[in-house]
């Protein structure tokens, strides 16, 4: 699983705070978190495509 949002912003994705906490707990249990500190290529490409479409 990958996301560009830090855990602190996940409550904006999930409407229910308890659901957000439970989901985060289950995803991160016995896992290794890798934070690259960079934005993904796919995210940058999607944003560029959106900008092109709004200019038309």
N, C-alpha and C. Protein backbone atom coordinates (compact mmCIF):
# COMPACT_ATOMS: atom_id res chain seq x y z
N UNK A 1 0.85 -1.17 0.00
CA UNK A 1 0.00 0.00 0.00
C UNK A 1 0.89 1.23 0.00
N UNK A 2 0.50 2.22 -0.76
CA UNK A 2 1.27 3.45 -0.83
C UNK A 2 0.33 4.64 -0.83
N UNK A 3 0.77 5.72 -0.25
CA UNK A 3 -0.01 6.95 -0.24
C UNK A 3 0.93 8.14 -0.20
N UNK A 4 0.46 9.25 -0.72
CA UNK A 4 1.23 10.49 -0.65
C UNK A 4 0.84 11.31 0.57
N UNK A 5 -0.14 10.84 1.32
CA UNK A 5 -0.62 11.57 2.48
C UNK A 5 -0.01 11.02 3.77
N UNK A 6 0.42 11.90 4.65
CA UNK A 6 0.91 11.42 5.95
C UNK A 6 -0.27 10.90 6.79
N UNK A 7 0.03 10.06 7.77
CA UNK A 7 -1.03 9.52 8.62
C UNK A 7 -1.90 10.62 9.23
N UNK A 8 -1.32 11.74 9.54
CA UNK A 8 -2.07 12.83 10.16
C UNK A 8 -3.21 13.35 9.28
N UNK A 9 -3.13 13.09 7.97
CA UNK A 9 -4.18 13.56 7.05
C UNK A 9 -5.18 12.47 6.66
N UNK A 10 -4.98 11.26 7.15
CA UNK A 10 -5.88 10.18 6.77
C UNK A 10 -7.30 10.37 7.27
N UNK A 11 -7.48 11.15 8.32
CA UNK A 11 -8.85 11.37 8.81
C UNK A 11 -9.67 12.18 7.81
N UNK A 12 -9.03 12.80 6.83
CA UNK A 12 -9.76 13.51 5.77
C UNK A 12 -10.24 12.53 4.71
N UNK A 13 -9.57 11.38 4.61
CA UNK A 13 -9.95 10.36 3.63
C UNK A 13 -11.09 9.52 4.16
N UNK A 14 -10.97 9.09 5.43
CA UNK A 14 -12.01 8.28 6.07
C UNK A 14 -12.93 9.20 6.85
N UNK A 15 -14.22 9.06 6.62
CA UNK A 15 -15.20 9.94 7.26
C UNK A 15 -15.27 9.74 8.78
N UNK A 16 -15.04 8.55 9.23
CA UNK A 16 -15.15 8.21 10.65
C UNK A 16 -13.76 8.11 11.28
N UNK A 17 -13.52 8.84 12.35
CA UNK A 17 -12.22 8.86 13.01
C UNK A 17 -11.84 7.48 13.53
N UNK A 18 -12.80 6.76 14.09
CA UNK A 18 -12.52 5.41 14.62
C UNK A 18 -12.15 4.45 13.49
N UNK A 19 -12.84 4.58 12.35
CA UNK A 19 -12.52 3.75 11.19
C UNK A 19 -11.10 4.06 10.70
N UNK A 20 -10.75 5.32 10.69
CA UNK A 20 -9.40 5.74 10.28
C UNK A 20 -8.35 5.13 11.20
N UNK A 21 -8.57 5.22 12.49
CA UNK A 21 -7.62 4.67 13.46
C UNK A 21 -7.51 3.15 13.33
N UNK A 22 -8.64 2.48 13.16
CA UNK A 22 -8.63 1.02 13.02
C UNK A 22 -7.92 0.59 11.74
N UNK A 23 -8.18 1.29 10.66
CA UNK A 23 -7.53 0.96 9.39
C UNK A 23 -6.03 1.16 9.47
N UNK A 24 -5.61 2.29 10.01
CA UNK A 24 -4.19 2.58 10.16
C UNK A 24 -3.51 1.54 11.05
N UNK A 25 -4.18 1.17 12.13
CA UNK A 25 -3.64 0.17 13.05
C UNK A 25 -3.42 -1.16 12.34
N UNK A 26 -4.40 -1.59 11.57
CA UNK A 26 -4.29 -2.88 10.89
C UNK A 26 -3.27 -2.85 9.76
N UNK A 27 -3.17 -1.75 9.06
CA UNK A 27 -2.21 -1.65 7.96
C UNK A 27 -0.77 -1.64 8.48
N UNK A 28 -0.55 -0.97 9.60
CA UNK A 28 0.82 -0.78 10.09
C UNK A 28 1.28 -1.87 11.07
N UNK A 29 0.41 -2.77 11.46
CA UNK A 29 0.78 -3.82 12.39
C UNK A 29 1.83 -4.73 11.77
N UNK A 30 2.98 -4.85 12.42
CA UNK A 30 4.09 -5.70 11.97
C UNK A 30 4.54 -5.41 10.53
N UNK A 31 4.62 -4.15 10.20
CA UNK A 31 5.07 -3.80 8.86
C UNK A 31 6.30 -2.90 8.94
N UNK A 32 6.84 -2.61 7.81
CA UNK A 32 7.95 -1.68 7.71
C UNK A 32 7.48 -0.47 6.92
N UNK A 33 7.54 0.71 7.52
CA UNK A 33 7.15 1.93 6.84
C UNK A 33 8.37 2.53 6.15
N UNK A 34 8.20 2.87 4.91
CA UNK A 34 9.29 3.48 4.14
C UNK A 34 8.83 4.86 3.70
N UNK A 35 9.50 5.87 4.20
CA UNK A 35 9.18 7.24 3.81
C UNK A 35 10.31 7.75 2.94
N UNK A 36 9.99 8.03 1.69
CA UNK A 36 11.02 8.44 0.75
C UNK A 36 11.29 9.94 0.79
N UNK A 37 10.32 10.70 1.25
CA UNK A 37 10.50 12.15 1.31
C UNK A 37 10.35 12.83 -0.04
N UNK A 38 9.89 12.08 -1.04
CA UNK A 38 9.70 12.65 -2.37
C UNK A 38 8.28 12.36 -2.84
N UNK A 39 7.82 13.17 -3.79
CA UNK A 39 6.52 12.90 -4.38
C UNK A 39 6.68 11.87 -5.49
N UNK A 40 5.70 11.02 -5.64
CA UNK A 40 5.81 9.96 -6.63
C UNK A 40 5.69 10.51 -8.05
N UNK A 41 6.28 9.80 -8.98
CA UNK A 41 6.19 10.17 -10.39
C UNK A 41 4.74 10.13 -10.85
N UNK A 42 3.99 9.11 -10.43
CA UNK A 42 2.59 8.98 -10.85
C UNK A 42 1.76 10.15 -10.36
N UNK A 43 2.01 10.60 -9.13
CA UNK A 43 1.27 11.74 -8.59
C UNK A 43 1.59 12.99 -9.40
N UNK A 44 2.85 13.22 -9.70
CA UNK A 44 3.24 14.39 -10.47
C UNK A 44 2.64 14.35 -11.87
N UNK A 45 2.63 13.18 -12.51
CA UNK A 45 2.06 13.03 -13.84
C UNK A 45 0.55 13.29 -13.83
N UNK A 46 -0.14 12.80 -12.81
CA UNK A 46 -1.58 13.01 -12.70
C UNK A 46 -1.89 14.50 -12.53
N UNK A 47 -1.13 15.17 -11.70
CA UNK A 47 -1.33 16.61 -11.50
C UNK A 47 -1.08 17.38 -12.79
N UNK A 48 -0.05 17.01 -13.54
CA UNK A 48 0.24 17.67 -14.81
C UNK A 48 -0.90 17.45 -15.81
N UNK A 49 -1.45 16.24 -15.87
CA UNK A 49 -2.58 15.95 -16.75
C UNK A 49 -3.80 16.77 -16.36
N UNK A 50 -4.06 16.91 -15.08
CA UNK A 50 -5.20 17.71 -14.62
C UNK A 50 -5.04 19.17 -15.01
N UNK A 51 -3.82 19.69 -14.88
CA UNK A 51 -3.58 21.08 -15.26
C UNK A 51 -3.81 21.29 -16.76
N UNK A 52 -3.39 20.33 -17.58
CA UNK A 52 -3.58 20.42 -19.02
C UNK A 52 -5.06 20.43 -19.37
N UNK A 53 -5.84 19.57 -18.69
CA UNK A 53 -7.27 19.47 -18.99
C UNK A 53 -8.02 20.73 -18.59
N UNK A 54 -7.62 21.38 -17.50
CA UNK A 54 -8.32 22.58 -17.07
C UNK A 54 -7.99 23.80 -17.95
N UNK A 55 -6.84 23.75 -18.64
CA UNK A 55 -6.45 24.85 -19.53
C UNK A 55 -7.23 24.82 -20.83
N UNK A 56 -7.76 23.64 -21.20
CA UNK A 56 -8.49 23.51 -22.48
C UNK A 56 -9.85 24.11 -22.42
